[in-house]
Amino acid sequence: MPPPTHDAVHGALARVLDPEIRRPITELGMIESVDIEPDGRVRVGVLLTVAACPMREQLNRDVTTAVSAIPVSRQCS
């Protein structure tokens, strides 16, 4: 099964809101990087305003939930 596309990942991340500002993290420039492995694993780098951000765990959960919900296309042989 093919890995998700960068467009699909960015679309999913656009639905993740900053817990304090309540705006999409993509609009706030909080996405540092998106790496997609050939096996479909996705790693997202999120920029935080402070290293000890109190909402870090919530952001981590929200990003993981959003990216995990990307539909996987199946190829028939």
C-alpha atoms as a PDB file:
ATOM      1  CA  MET A   1       0.000   0.000   0.000  1.00  0.00           C
ATOM      2  CA  PRO A   2       1.429   3.399  -0.942  1.00  0.00           C
ATOM      3  CA  PRO A   3       2.405   5.934   1.698  1.00  0.00           C
ATOM      4  CA  PRO A   4       0.264   9.052   2.195  1.00  0.00           C
ATOM      5  CA  THR A   5       1.129  12.081   0.100  1.00  0.00           C
ATOM      6  CA  HIS A   6       2.523  15.323   1.489  1.00  0.00           C
ATOM      7  CA  ASP A   7      -0.710  17.023   0.381  1.00  0.00           C
ATOM      8  CA  ALA A   8      -2.780  14.534   2.388  1.00  0.00           C
ATOM      9  CA  VAL A   9      -0.612  15.045   5.486  1.00  0.00           C
ATOM     10  CA  HIS A  10      -0.749  18.839   5.191  1.00  0.00           C
ATOM     11  CA  GLY A  11      -4.521  18.646   4.701  1.00  0.00           C
ATOM     12  CA  ALA A  12      -4.856  16.602   7.878  1.00  0.00           C
ATOM     13  CA  LEU A  13      -2.592  18.984   9.790  1.00  0.00           C
ATOM     14  CA  ALA A  14      -4.696  21.948   8.649  1.00  0.00           C
ATOM     15  CA  ARG A  15      -7.487  20.548  10.850  1.00  0.00           C
ATOM     16  CA  VAL A  16      -5.293  20.599  13.976  1.00  0.00           C
ATOM     17  CA  LEU A  17      -5.911  23.729  16.033  1.00  0.00           C
ATOM     18  CA  ASP A  18      -3.470  25.381  18.399  1.00  0.00           C
ATOM     19  CA  PRO A  19      -5.060  24.681  21.803  1.00  0.00           C
ATOM     20  CA  GLU A  20      -4.629  28.262  23.017  1.00  0.00           C
ATOM     21  CA  ILE A  21      -5.139  30.385  19.903  1.00  0.00           C
ATOM     22  CA  ARG A  22      -7.699  28.022  18.300  1.00  0.00           C
ATOM     23  CA  ARG A  23      -6.286  28.509  14.792  1.00  0.00           C
ATOM     24  CA  PRO A  24      -4.863  25.806  12.497  1.00  0.00           C
ATOM     25  CA  ILE A  25      -1.214  25.052  13.223  1.00  0.00           C
ATOM     26  CA  THR A  26      -0.523  25.224   9.489  1.00  0.00           C
ATOM     27  CA  GLU A  27      -1.721  28.853   9.354  1.00  0.00           C
ATOM     28  CA  LEU A  28       0.430  29.720  12.356  1.00  0.00           C
ATOM     29  CA  GLY A  29       3.600  28.388  10.702  1.00  0.00           C
ATOM     30  CA  MET A  30       4.074  25.723  13.363  1.00  0.00           C
ATOM     31  CA  ILE A  31       4.927  22.885  10.958  1.00  0.00           C
ATOM     32  CA  GLU A  32       8.690  22.557  10.737  1.00  0.00           C
ATOM     33  CA  SER A  33       8.872  19.395   8.658  1.00  0.00           C
ATOM     34  CA  VAL A  34       6.936  16.456   7.269  1.00  0.00           C
ATOM     35  CA  ASP A  35       8.861  13.282   6.465  1.00  0.00           C
ATOM     36  CA  ILE A  36       7.132  10.296   4.897  1.00  0.00           C
ATOM     37  CA  GLU A  37       8.902   6.928   4.852  1.00  0.00           C
ATOM     38  CA  PRO A  38       8.338   4.465   1.990  1.00  0.00           C
ATOM     39  CA  ASP A  39       6.562   2.142   4.445  1.00  0.00           C
ATOM     40  CA  GLY A  40       4.010   4.899   5.216  1.00  0.00           C
ATOM     41  CA  ARG A  41       5.347   6.090   8.564  1.00  0.00           C
ATOM     42  CA  VAL A  42       4.984   9.861   8.918  1.00  0.00           C
ATOM     43  CA  ARG A  43       7.111  12.103  11.121  1.00  0.00           C
ATOM     44  CA  VAL A  44       5.914  15.654  11.714  1.00  0.00           C
ATOM     45  CA  GLY A  45       8.104  18.336  13.290  1.00  0.00           C
ATOM     46  CA  VAL A  46       6.032  20.916  15.157  1.00  0.00           C
ATOM     47  CA  LEU A  47       7.473  24.217  16.323  1.00  0.00           C
ATOM     48  CA  LEU A  48       6.457  25.260  19.821  1.00  0.00           C
ATOM     49  CA  THR A  49       6.553  28.772  21.231  1.00  0.00           C
ATOM     50  CA  VAL A  50       8.475  27.559  24.289  1.00  0.00           C
ATOM     51  CA  ALA A  51      10.336  24.305  24.937  1.00  0.00           C
ATOM     52  CA  ALA A  52       8.224  23.519  28.005  1.00  0.00           C
ATOM     53  CA  CYS A  53       4.933  24.255  26.223  1.00  0.00           C
ATOM     54  CA  PRO A  54       2.115  23.186  28.562  1.00  0.00           C
ATOM     55  CA  MET A  55       0.005  22.092  25.589  1.00  0.00           C
ATOM     56  CA  ARG A  56       2.760  19.946  24.044  1.00  0.00           C
ATOM     57  CA  GLU A  57       1.088  16.610  24.822  1.00  0.00           C
ATOM     58  CA  GLN A  58      -2.283  17.773  23.519  1.00  0.00           C
ATOM     59  CA  LEU A  59      -0.682  18.974  20.285  1.00  0.00           C
ATOM     60  CA  ASN A  60       1.144  15.655  19.971  1.00  0.00           C
ATOM     61  CA  ARG A  61      -2.127  13.737  20.408  1.00  0.00           C
ATOM     62  CA  ASP A  62      -4.016  15.987  17.990  1.00  0.00           C
ATOM     63  CA  VAL A  63      -1.327  15.738  15.289  1.00  0.00           C
ATOM     64  CA  THR A  64      -1.083  11.955  15.719  1.00  0.00           C
ATOM     65  CA  THR A  65      -4.866  11.574  15.536  1.00  0.00           C
ATOM     66  CA  ALA A  66      -5.136  13.757  12.428  1.00  0.00           C
ATOM     67  CA  VAL A  67      -2.333  12.030  10.533  1.00  0.00           C
ATOM     68  CA  SER A  68      -3.523   8.560  11.588  1.00  0.00           C
ATOM     69  CA  ALA A  69      -6.945   9.322  10.103  1.00  0.00           C
ATOM     70  CA  ILE A  70      -5.585   9.846   6.576  1.00  0.00           C
ATOM     71  CA  PRO A  71      -7.377   7.338   4.341  1.00  0.00           C
ATOM     72  CA  VAL A  72      -5.047   4.687   2.996  1.00  0.00           C
ATOM     73  CA  SER A  73      -5.546   3.941  -0.656  1.00  0.00           C
ATOM     74  CA  ARG A  74      -5.307   0.271  -1.516  1.00  0.00           C
ATOM     75  CA  GLN A  75      -4.110  -0.930  -4.846  1.00  0.00           C
ATOM     76  CA  CYS A  76      -5.721  -3.994  -6.348  1.00  0.00           C
ATOM     77  CA  SER A  77      -3.577  -6.391  -8.299  1.00  0.00           C
END
